[in-house]
Amino acid sequence: MSRFATKLTASLLLAPALLAASVTAQAHQAGDILVRAGAITVDPHEDSSGIKTSSGTNLGGSATLDSDTQLGLNFAYMVTDHVGVELLAATPFSHDVGIKGSPAGADSLNGKLGTLKHLPPTLSAVWYPMQSTAAFQPYLGAGINFTWFFDEDVSSSAEAKGFDGLSMDNSWGLAAQVGADYMITDKLMLNAQMRYIDIETTGYTTYTPVGRLKVDVDVDPLVYMVGLGYKF
């Protein structure tokens, strides 16, 4: 056998081992720390009670919140090759709050009420079902969320109607997620994820003609994030 043939044969025999080593280097393994960053969107699927007075009179209508996109941050620690603990964080989300659907006689309530900000830190346990040697790593997770509402402000148009003050109760709730990492190198990854978060809150404002108003809101957003990650 020629020297070239000998070298070629040896290379072919070594190739699977080298490929396996390369794939293994890309794996999520116990002790790894994963840091992800990207665009994150909170898309509320709100369902609310009617607008109620302090005496319990239902004025009808419902509350609305719009979507917002911010910088999402995600930190995970691999407890085993298949199980991790993950914290979701983000820069503050800002939402317009409004009232719609109030019946005749109370339709002056309709329109933009104001704005608010919130932070939704979420702690989850995450399961990676694929073998740790796979470059593609889908995962499922479940955990608990705390949503902190702050900087609630009534809009100038609502103030002109007679509204004064806006506040929202903070919320504790469960969260579930599905996502996937794809390793570009043994350190750098692409990430995409989607979450459902159970957010229940009560909003309060004062309307001069009738006094204190409140509304119960199930915000229940879907949360989408796409970005890059790095493994330490």
C-alpha atoms as a PDB file:
ATOM      1  CA  MET A   1       0.000   0.000   0.000  1.00  0.00           C
ATOM      2  CA  SER A   2       1.386   3.387  -0.933  1.00  0.00           C
ATOM      3  CA  ARG A   3       2.198   6.007   1.700  1.00  0.00           C
ATOM      4  CA  PHE A   4      -0.643   8.186   0.341  1.00  0.00           C
ATOM      5  CA  ALA A   5      -3.108   5.290   0.593  1.00  0.00           C
ATOM      6  CA  THR A   6      -1.927   4.562   4.127  1.00  0.00           C
ATOM      7  CA  LYS A   7      -2.447   8.189   5.163  1.00  0.00           C
ATOM      8  CA  LEU A   8      -5.864   8.327   3.468  1.00  0.00           C
ATOM      9  CA  THR A   9      -6.975   5.139   5.198  1.00  0.00           C
ATOM     10  CA  ALA A  10      -5.802   6.453   8.564  1.00  0.00           C
ATOM     11  CA  SER A  11      -7.618   9.769   7.975  1.00  0.00           C
ATOM     12  CA  LEU A  12     -10.854   7.987   7.093  1.00  0.00           C
ATOM     13  CA  LEU A  13     -10.577   5.832  10.196  1.00  0.00           C
ATOM     14  CA  LEU A  14      -9.934   8.878  12.387  1.00  0.00           C
ATOM     15  CA  ALA A  15     -12.683  11.050  10.859  1.00  0.00           C
ATOM     16  CA  PRO A  16     -15.614   9.567  12.855  1.00  0.00           C
ATOM     17  CA  ALA A  17     -13.677   9.949  16.075  1.00  0.00           C
ATOM     18  CA  LEU A  18     -12.781  13.558  15.262  1.00  0.00           C
ATOM     19  CA  LEU A  19     -16.409  14.319  14.332  1.00  0.00           C
ATOM     20  CA  ALA A  20     -17.666  12.758  17.544  1.00  0.00           C
ATOM     21  CA  ALA A  21     -15.186  14.816  19.536  1.00  0.00           C
ATOM     22  CA  SER A  22     -16.349  17.956  17.735  1.00  0.00           C
ATOM     23  CA  VAL A  23     -20.032  17.213  18.437  1.00  0.00           C
ATOM     24  CA  THR A  24     -19.287  16.307  22.047  1.00  0.00           C
ATOM     25  CA  ALA A  25     -17.521  19.640  22.468  1.00  0.00           C
ATOM     26  CA  GLN A  26     -20.763  21.351  21.453  1.00  0.00           C
ATOM     27  CA  ALA A  27     -22.877  19.577  24.070  1.00  0.00           C
ATOM     28  CA  HIS A  28     -24.681  21.019  27.084  1.00  0.00           C
ATOM     29  CA  GLN A  29     -23.124  19.303  30.079  1.00  0.00           C
ATOM     30  CA  ALA A  30     -23.472  19.385  33.846  1.00  0.00           C
ATOM     31  CA  GLY A  31     -21.810  22.509  35.245  1.00  0.00           C
ATOM     32  CA  ASP A  32     -22.212  24.606  32.090  1.00  0.00           C
ATOM     33  CA  ILE A  33     -23.433  28.199  32.460  1.00  0.00           C
ATOM     34  CA  LEU A  34     -25.489  29.482  29.513  1.00  0.00           C
ATOM     35  CA  VAL A  35     -26.029  33.201  28.945  1.00  0.00           C
ATOM     36  CA  ARG A  36     -28.487  34.253  26.239  1.00  0.00           C
ATOM     37  CA  ALA A  37     -29.519  37.696  24.991  1.00  0.00           C
ATOM     38  CA  GLY A  38     -31.880  38.878  22.290  1.00  0.00           C
ATOM     39  CA  ALA A  39     -35.166  40.510  21.375  1.00  0.00           C
ATOM     40  CA  ILE A  40     -38.037  39.526  23.665  1.00  0.00           C
ATOM     41  CA  THR A  41     -41.689  40.368  23.049  1.00  0.00           C
ATOM     42  CA  VAL A  42     -44.498  40.263  25.618  1.00  0.00           C
ATOM     43  CA  ASP A  43     -47.820  39.800  23.812  1.00  0.00           C
ATOM     44  CA  PRO A  44     -50.737  40.059  26.293  1.00  0.00           C
ATOM     45  CA  HIS A  45     -53.834  37.924  25.699  1.00  0.00           C
ATOM     46  CA  GLU A  46     -55.809  39.824  28.277  1.00  0.00           C
ATOM     47  CA  ASP A  47     -59.241  38.900  29.573  1.00  0.00           C
ATOM     48  CA  SER A  48     -60.794  41.244  32.100  1.00  0.00           C
ATOM     49  CA  SER A  49     -63.875  41.771  34.200  1.00  0.00           C
ATOM     50  CA  GLY A  50     -66.092  44.768  33.591  1.00  0.00           C
ATOM     51  CA  ILE A  51     -65.061  48.120  35.041  1.00  0.00           C
ATOM     52  CA  LYS A  52     -66.485  48.260  38.577  1.00  0.00           C
ATOM     53  CA  THR A  53     -67.152  51.055  41.049  1.00  0.00           C
ATOM     54  CA  SER A  54     -66.161  50.817  44.715  1.00  0.00           C
ATOM     55  CA  SER A  55     -69.768  49.833  45.520  1.00  0.00           C
ATOM     56  CA  GLY A  56     -69.559  46.917  43.077  1.00  0.00           C
ATOM     57  CA  THR A  57     -71.606  48.396  40.233  1.00  0.00           C
ATOM     58  CA  ASN A  58     -70.442  46.945  36.917  1.00  0.00           C
ATOM     59  CA  LEU A  59     -70.072  49.668  34.286  1.00  0.00           C
ATOM     60  CA  GLY A  60     -69.202  47.144  31.571  1.00  0.00           C
ATOM     61  CA  GLY A  61     -66.286  47.456  29.209  1.00  0.00           C
ATOM     62  CA  SER A  62     -62.897  45.779  29.612  1.00  0.00           C
ATOM     63  CA  ALA A  63     -59.220  46.609  29.975  1.00  0.00           C
ATOM     64  CA  THR A  64     -56.681  46.415  27.140  1.00  0.00           C
ATOM     65  CA  LEU A  65     -52.870  46.207  27.025  1.00  0.00           C
ATOM     66  CA  ASP A  66     -50.645  46.364  23.958  1.00  0.00           C
ATOM     67  CA  SER A  67     -47.481  44.381  23.149  1.00  0.00           C
ATOM     68  CA  ASP A  68     -43.893  45.517  23.683  1.00  0.00           C
ATOM     69  CA  THR A  69     -40.410  44.329  22.684  1.00  0.00           C
ATOM     70  CA  GLN A  70     -37.310  44.799  24.810  1.00  0.00           C
ATOM     71  CA  LEU A  71     -33.854  43.302  25.415  1.00  0.00           C
ATOM     72  CA  GLY A  72     -34.244  39.837  26.901  1.00  0.00           C
ATOM     73  CA  LEU A  73     -31.634  38.212  29.128  1.00  0.00           C
ATOM     74  CA  ASN A  74     -31.549  34.561  30.057  1.00  0.00           C
ATOM     75  CA  PHE A  75     -29.214  32.758  32.466  1.00  0.00           C
ATOM     76  CA  ALA A  76     -29.123  28.976  32.867  1.00  0.00           C
ATOM     77  CA  TYR A  77     -27.056  26.533  34.928  1.00  0.00           C
ATOM     78  CA  MET A  78     -26.907  22.883  33.906  1.00  0.00           C
ATOM     79  CA  VAL A  79     -27.414  20.775  37.020  1.00  0.00           C
ATOM     80  CA  THR A  80     -27.034  17.576  34.957  1.00  0.00           C
ATOM     81  CA  ASP A  81     -26.545  16.917  31.233  1.00  0.00           C
ATOM     82  CA  HIS A  82     -30.345  16.994  30.836  1.00  0.00           C
ATOM     83  CA  VAL A  83     -31.680  19.306  33.578  1.00  0.00           C
ATOM     84  CA  GLY A  84     -31.002  23.001  34.084  1.00  0.00           C
ATOM     85  CA  VAL A  85     -32.208  25.911  36.200  1.00  0.00           C
ATOM     86  CA  GLU A  86     -33.001  29.087  34.261  1.00  0.00           C
ATOM     87  CA  LEU A  87     -33.733  32.727  35.094  1.00  0.00           C
ATOM     88  CA  LEU A  88     -35.482  35.034  32.616  1.00  0.00           C
ATOM     89  CA  ALA A  89     -34.849  38.769  32.909  1.00  0.00           C
ATOM     90  CA  ALA A  90     -35.346  41.766  30.621  1.00  0.00           C
ATOM     91  CA  THR A  91     -35.209  45.521  30.405  1.00  0.00           C
ATOM     92  CA  PRO A  92     -38.542  47.037  31.553  1.00  0.00           C
ATOM     93  CA  PHE A  93     -41.533  46.515  29.284  1.00  0.00           C
ATOM     94  CA  SER A  94     -43.833  49.477  28.607  1.00  0.00           C
ATOM     95  CA  HIS A  95     -47.517  49.042  27.722  1.00  0.00           C
ATOM     96  CA  ASP A  96     -50.405  51.298  26.812  1.00  0.00           C
ATOM     97  CA  VAL A  97     -53.451  50.597  28.991  1.00  0.00           C
ATOM     98  CA  GLY A  98     -56.936  51.323  27.734  1.00  0.00           C
ATOM     99  CA  ILE A  99     -60.640  50.697  28.180  1.00  0.00           C
ATOM    100  CA  LYS A 100     -62.925  49.442  25.419  1.00  0.00           C
ATOM    101  CA  GLY A 101     -66.456  48.188  24.990  1.00  0.00           C
ATOM    102  CA  SER A 102     -68.159  50.335  27.624  1.00  0.00           C
ATOM    103  CA  PRO A 103     -71.894  50.594  26.859  1.00  0.00           C
ATOM    104  CA  ALA A 104     -73.871  53.718  26.042  1.00  0.00           C
ATOM    105  CA  GLY A 105     -73.950  55.979  29.063  1.00  0.00           C
ATOM    106  CA  ALA A 106     -70.473  54.866  30.125  1.00  0.00           C
ATOM    107  CA  ASP A 107     -68.741  55.045  26.754  1.00  0.00           C
ATOM    108  CA  SER A 108     -66.809  58.126  27.852  1.00  0.00           C
ATOM    109  CA  LEU A 109     -64.599  55.613  29.690  1.00  0.00           C
ATOM    110  CA  ASN A 110     -63.350  54.156  26.390  1.00  0.00           C
ATOM    111  CA  GLY A 111     -59.932  55.023  25.000  1.00  0.00           C
ATOM    112  CA  LYS A 112     -56.358  55.150  26.210  1.00  0.00           C
ATOM    113  CA  LEU A 113     -56.157  55.317  29.989  1.00  0.00           C
ATOM    114  CA  GLY A 114     -52.400  55.539  30.440  1.00  0.00           C
ATOM    115  CA  THR A 115     -49.111  53.642  30.415  1.00  0.00           C
ATOM    116  CA  LEU A 116     -47.288  51.321  32.760  1.00  0.00           C
ATOM    117  CA  LYS A 117     -44.029  49.423  32.983  1.00  0.00           C
ATOM    118  CA  HIS A 118     -43.368  45.951  34.285  1.00  0.00           C
ATOM    119  CA  LEU A 119     -40.601  43.433  34.906  1.00  0.00           C
ATOM    120  CA  PRO A 120     -41.397  39.693  34.756  1.00  0.00           C
ATOM    121  CA  PRO A 121     -38.495  37.715  36.323  1.00  0.00           C
ATOM    122  CA  THR A 122     -39.203  34.008  35.870  1.00  0.00           C
ATOM    123  CA  LEU A 123     -37.359  31.071  37.452  1.00  0.00           C
ATOM    124  CA  SER A 124     -37.765  27.691  35.750  1.00  0.00           C
ATOM    125  CA  ALA A 125     -36.555  24.111  35.784  1.00  0.00           C
ATOM    126  CA  VAL A 126     -35.664  23.069  32.235  1.00  0.00           C
ATOM    127  CA  TRP A 127     -35.398  19.606  30.684  1.00  0.00           C
ATOM    128  CA  TYR A 128     -33.228  18.859  27.627  1.00  0.00           C
ATOM    129  CA  PRO A 129     -34.340  15.473  26.202  1.00  0.00           C
ATOM    130  CA  MET A 130     -31.635  15.068  23.541  1.00  0.00           C
ATOM    131  CA  GLN A 131     -28.320  13.375  24.139  1.00  0.00           C
ATOM    132  CA  SER A 132     -25.694  15.757  25.455  1.00  0.00           C
ATOM    133  CA  THR A 133     -23.644  15.241  22.283  1.00  0.00           C
ATOM    134  CA  ALA A 134     -26.316  16.816  20.031  1.00  0.00           C
ATOM    135  CA  ALA A 135     -25.667  20.276  18.617  1.00  0.00           C
ATOM    136  CA  PHE A 136     -29.450  20.855  18.422  1.00  0.00           C
ATOM    137  CA  GLN A 137     -30.893  21.037  21.938  1.00  0.00           C
ATOM    138  CA  PRO A 138     -34.685  21.520  22.241  1.00  0.00           C
ATOM    139  CA  TYR A 139     -36.012  21.926  25.762  1.00  0.00           C
ATOM    140  CA  LEU A 140     -39.129  22.201  27.898  1.00  0.00           C
ATOM    141  CA  GLY A 141     -39.471  24.158  31.126  1.00  0.00           C
ATOM    142  CA  ALA A 142     -41.842  25.098  33.910  1.00  0.00           C
ATOM    143  CA  GLY A 143     -41.490  27.509  36.797  1.00  0.00           C
ATOM    144  CA  ILE A 144     -42.760  30.503  38.687  1.00  0.00           C
ATOM    145  CA  ASN A 145     -43.092  34.146  37.683  1.00  0.00           C
ATOM    146  CA  PHE A 146     -43.215  37.393  39.644  1.00  0.00           C
ATOM    147  CA  THR A 147     -44.475  40.433  37.721  1.00  0.00           C
ATOM    148  CA  TRP A 148     -43.740  43.859  39.181  1.00  0.00           C
ATOM    149  CA  PHE A 149     -45.792  46.764  37.811  1.00  0.00           C
ATOM    150  CA  PHE A 150     -44.453  50.297  38.235  1.00  0.00           C
ATOM    151  CA  ASP A 151     -44.417  53.807  36.705  1.00  0.00           C
ATOM    152  CA  GLU A 152     -48.164  53.755  36.070  1.00  0.00           C
ATOM    153  CA  ASP A 153     -49.257  57.090  34.551  1.00  0.00           C
ATOM    154  CA  VAL A 154     -52.610  58.410  33.366  1.00  0.00           C
ATOM    155  CA  SER A 155     -52.558  59.903  29.865  1.00  0.00           C
ATOM    156  CA  SER A 156     -53.364  63.571  29.303  1.00  0.00           C
ATOM    157  CA  SER A 157     -56.463  62.633  27.280  1.00  0.00           C
ATOM    158  CA  ALA A 158     -57.740  60.487  30.158  1.00  0.00           C
ATOM    159  CA  GLU A 159     -57.029  63.265  32.656  1.00  0.00           C
ATOM    160  CA  ALA A 160     -59.135  65.597  30.504  1.00  0.00           C
ATOM    161  CA  LYS A 161     -62.018  63.118  30.851  1.00  0.00           C
ATOM    162  CA  GLY A 162     -61.710  63.150  34.646  1.00  0.00           C
ATOM    163  CA  PHE A 163     -59.403  60.178  35.362  1.00  0.00           C
ATOM    164  CA  ASP A 164     -56.844  60.523  38.128  1.00  0.00           C
ATOM    165  CA  GLY A 165     -54.180  57.998  39.136  1.00  0.00           C
ATOM    166  CA  LEU A 166     -53.449  54.481  37.935  1.00  0.00           C
ATOM    167  CA  SER A 167     -52.061  51.493  39.822  1.00  0.00           C
ATOM    168  CA  MET A 168     -51.728  47.750  39.218  1.00  0.00           C
ATOM    169  CA  ASP A 169     -51.253  44.956  41.755  1.00  0.00           C
ATOM    170  CA  ASN A 170     -48.113  42.843  41.409  1.00  0.00           C
ATOM    171  CA  SER A 171     -48.614  39.212  40.415  1.00  0.00           C
ATOM    172  CA  TRP A 172     -47.292  35.731  41.217  1.00  0.00           C
ATOM    173  CA  GLY A 173     -48.059  32.950  38.725  1.00  0.00           C
ATOM    174  CA  LEU A 174     -46.884  29.814  36.964  1.00  0.00           C
ATOM    175  CA  ALA A 175     -44.984  29.770  33.678  1.00  0.00           C
ATOM    176  CA  ALA A 176     -44.267  27.190  30.980  1.00  0.00           C
ATOM    177  CA  GLN A 177     -41.860  27.312  28.061  1.00  0.00           C
ATOM    178  CA  VAL A 178     -40.546  25.545  24.984  1.00  0.00           C
ATOM    179  CA  GLY A 179     -37.301  26.461  23.279  1.00  0.00           C
ATOM    180  CA  ALA A 180     -34.211  25.287  21.430  1.00  0.00           C
ATOM    181  CA  ASP A 181     -30.499  26.012  21.231  1.00  0.00           C
ATOM    182  CA  TYR A 182     -28.420  25.313  18.139  1.00  0.00           C
ATOM    183  CA  MET A 183     -24.673  25.309  18.690  1.00  0.00           C
ATOM    184  CA  ILE A 184     -22.811  27.337  16.042  1.00  0.00           C
ATOM    185  CA  THR A 185     -19.493  26.575  17.745  1.00  0.00           C
ATOM    186  CA  ASP A 186     -18.698  24.756  20.965  1.00  0.00           C
ATOM    187  CA  LYS A 187     -19.426  28.044  22.809  1.00  0.00           C
ATOM    188  CA  LEU A 188     -21.763  30.154  20.658  1.00  0.00           C
ATOM    189  CA  MET A 189     -25.405  29.223  20.067  1.00  0.00           C
ATOM    190  CA  LEU A 190     -28.592  30.410  18.403  1.00  0.00           C
ATOM    191  CA  ASN A 191     -31.658  30.392  20.662  1.00  0.00           C
ATOM    192  CA  ALA A 192     -35.414  30.657  20.200  1.00  0.00           C
ATOM    193  CA  GLN A 193     -38.024  30.253  22.919  1.00  0.00           C
ATOM    194  CA  MET A 194     -41.680  30.820  23.692  1.00  0.00           C
ATOM    195  CA  ARG A 195     -43.348  31.072  27.108  1.00  0.00           C
ATOM    196  CA  TYR A 196     -46.798  31.264  28.567  1.00  0.00           C
ATOM    197  CA  ILE A 197     -46.996  33.234  31.825  1.00  0.00           C
ATOM    198  CA  ASP A 198     -49.987  33.315  34.138  1.00  0.00           C
ATOM    199  CA  ILE A 199     -50.326  36.977  35.199  1.00  0.00           C
ATOM    200  CA  GLU A 200     -53.402  38.051  37.163  1.00  0.00           C
ATOM    201  CA  THR A 201     -53.703  41.616  38.446  1.00  0.00           C
ATOM    202  CA  THR A 202     -56.197  44.251  39.513  1.00  0.00           C
ATOM    203  CA  GLY A 203     -56.025  47.796  38.181  1.00  0.00           C
ATOM    204  CA  TYR A 204     -57.295  50.883  39.984  1.00  0.00           C
ATOM    205  CA  THR A 205     -58.060  54.436  38.928  1.00  0.00           C
ATOM    206  CA  THR A 206     -60.360  57.278  39.964  1.00  0.00           C
ATOM    207  CA  TYR A 207     -62.981  58.720  37.630  1.00  0.00           C
ATOM    208  CA  THR A 208     -64.414  62.039  38.848  1.00  0.00           C
ATOM    209  CA  PRO A 209     -68.106  61.393  38.007  1.00  0.00           C
ATOM    210  CA  VAL A 210     -68.289  58.069  39.917  1.00  0.00           C
ATOM    211  CA  GLY A 211     -65.181  57.831  42.127  1.00  0.00           C
ATOM    212  CA  ARG A 212     -62.869  54.844  42.548  1.00  0.00           C
ATOM    213  CA  LEU A 213     -62.859  52.221  39.774  1.00  0.00           C
ATOM    214  CA  LYS A 214     -61.218  48.801  39.557  1.00  0.00           C
ATOM    215  CA  VAL A 215     -60.878  46.016  37.010  1.00  0.00           C
ATOM    216  CA  ASP A 216     -59.560  42.443  37.346  1.00  0.00           C
ATOM    217  CA  VAL A 217     -57.294  41.452  34.471  1.00  0.00           C
ATOM    218  CA  ASP A 218     -55.870  38.095  33.393  1.00  0.00           C
ATOM    219  CA  VAL A 219     -52.950  39.304  31.288  1.00  0.00           C
ATOM    220  CA  ASP A 220     -51.693  35.791  30.387  1.00  0.00           C
ATOM    221  CA  PRO A 221     -49.111  36.830  27.775  1.00  0.00           C
ATOM    222  CA  LEU A 222     -47.210  34.737  25.289  1.00  0.00           C
ATOM    223  CA  VAL A 223     -43.543  35.711  25.493  1.00  0.00           C
ATOM    224  CA  TYR A 224     -41.263  35.224  22.484  1.00  0.00           C
ATOM    225  CA  MET A 225     -37.475  35.534  22.446  1.00  0.00           C
ATOM    226  CA  VAL A 226     -34.897  35.084  19.672  1.00  0.00           C
ATOM    227  CA  GLY A 227     -31.213  35.706  20.209  1.00  0.00           C
ATOM    228  CA  LEU A 228     -27.691  34.444  20.713  1.00  0.00           C
ATOM    229  CA  GLY A 229     -26.170  32.581  23.625  1.00  0.00           C
ATOM    230  CA  TYR A 230     -22.757  31.786  24.986  1.00  0.00           C
ATOM    231  CA  LYS A 231     -21.666  28.805  27.071  1.00  0.00           C
ATOM    232  CA  PHE A 232     -19.124  29.184  29.878  1.00  0.00           C
END
